């Protein structure tokens, strides 16, 4: 019986996600691995709505609760 290869992806260090304000595209640079062997790099490309939905689903699966944005006082804006 063959042992299945354990594939995973991680964000690439030092390369933050980028967005395109015109198209709404979100690009997340990721590194691809088989076990712990690096197999290549690529970008995960999504529409802004897809990225927001993915973030919300991951946060919920991990038990994080999204906090409402804090109100800033006028003094904090200066």
Protein backbone atom coordinates (compact mmCIF):
# COMPACT_ATOMS: atom_id res chain seq x y z
CA UNK A 1 0.00 0.00 0.00
CA UNK A 2 1.41 3.39 -1.02
CA UNK A 3 1.73 6.10 1.60
CA UNK A 4 -0.04 9.29 0.47
CA UNK A 5 2.19 12.32 -0.01
CA UNK A 6 1.40 15.08 2.46
CA UNK A 7 1.08 18.27 0.48
CA UNK A 8 0.76 21.72 1.99
CA UNK A 9 1.26 25.38 1.21
CA UNK A 10 2.57 28.25 3.31
CA UNK A 11 2.80 31.95 2.72
CA UNK A 12 6.22 33.01 1.48
CA UNK A 13 8.25 34.83 4.13
CA UNK A 14 8.82 38.49 3.50
CA UNK A 15 6.28 38.63 0.67
CA UNK A 16 3.00 40.16 1.85
CA UNK A 17 -0.30 39.75 -0.02
CA UNK A 18 -1.05 42.47 -2.55
CA UNK A 19 -4.29 43.93 -3.86
CA UNK A 20 -5.22 45.71 -7.06
CA UNK A 21 -7.60 48.57 -6.28
CA UNK A 22 -8.85 48.70 -9.88
CA UNK A 23 -9.73 45.02 -10.36
CA UNK A 24 -10.21 43.98 -6.72
CA UNK A 25 -7.75 41.12 -7.25
CA UNK A 26 -5.93 39.77 -4.19
CA UNK A 27 -2.62 37.90 -4.65
CA UNK A 28 -1.14 35.81 -1.84
CA UNK A 29 2.40 34.52 -2.53
CA UNK A 30 2.64 30.89 -1.40
CA UNK A 31 5.29 28.18 -1.28
CA UNK A 32 4.30 24.59 -2.11
CA UNK A 33 5.66 21.61 -0.17
CA UNK A 34 5.56 17.80 -0.27
CA UNK A 35 6.22 16.86 3.34
CA UNK A 36 8.97 19.36 4.19
CA UNK A 37 10.52 19.51 0.71
CA UNK A 38 9.98 22.79 -1.13
CA UNK A 39 8.44 22.06 -4.53
CA UNK A 40 7.85 25.55 -5.91
CA UNK A 41 6.26 28.95 -5.55
CA UNK A 42 3.07 30.40 -6.95
CA UNK A 43 0.47 33.05 -6.21
CA UNK A 44 -3.00 32.30 -4.91
CA UNK A 45 -5.17 34.77 -6.87
CA UNK A 46 -8.71 35.62 -5.75
CA UNK A 47 -11.34 38.29 -6.12
CA UNK A 48 -11.67 40.52 -3.06
CA UNK A 49 -15.03 38.90 -2.19
CA UNK A 50 -13.48 35.41 -2.41
CA UNK A 51 -10.58 36.46 -0.17
CA UNK A 52 -12.97 37.92 2.41
CA UNK A 53 -15.11 34.75 2.36
CA UNK A 54 -12.02 32.52 2.73
CA UNK A 55 -10.72 34.63 5.63
CA UNK A 56 -14.09 34.48 7.41
CA UNK A 57 -14.41 30.71 6.95
CA UNK A 58 -10.86 30.08 8.19
CA UNK A 59 -11.36 32.39 11.17
CA UNK A 60 -14.60 30.61 12.07
CA UNK A 61 -13.02 27.17 11.69
CA UNK A 62 -10.17 28.26 13.98
CA UNK A 63 -12.58 29.67 16.55
CA UNK A 64 -11.75 33.35 16.07
CA UNK A 65 -14.52 35.87 16.49
CA UNK A 66 -14.30 39.00 14.39
CA UNK A 67 -14.40 42.05 16.62
CA UNK A 68 -16.29 45.10 15.36
CA UNK A 69 -14.02 48.00 14.38
CA UNK A 70 -13.19 50.29 17.27
CA UNK A 71 -14.59 53.80 17.22
CA UNK A 72 -11.84 56.39 17.24
CA UNK A 73 -12.22 59.65 19.04
CA UNK A 74 -11.58 62.92 17.23
CA UNK A 75 -8.36 63.29 19.23
CA UNK A 76 -7.06 59.98 17.84
CA UNK A 77 -7.62 61.17 14.27
CA UNK A 78 -5.33 64.21 14.64
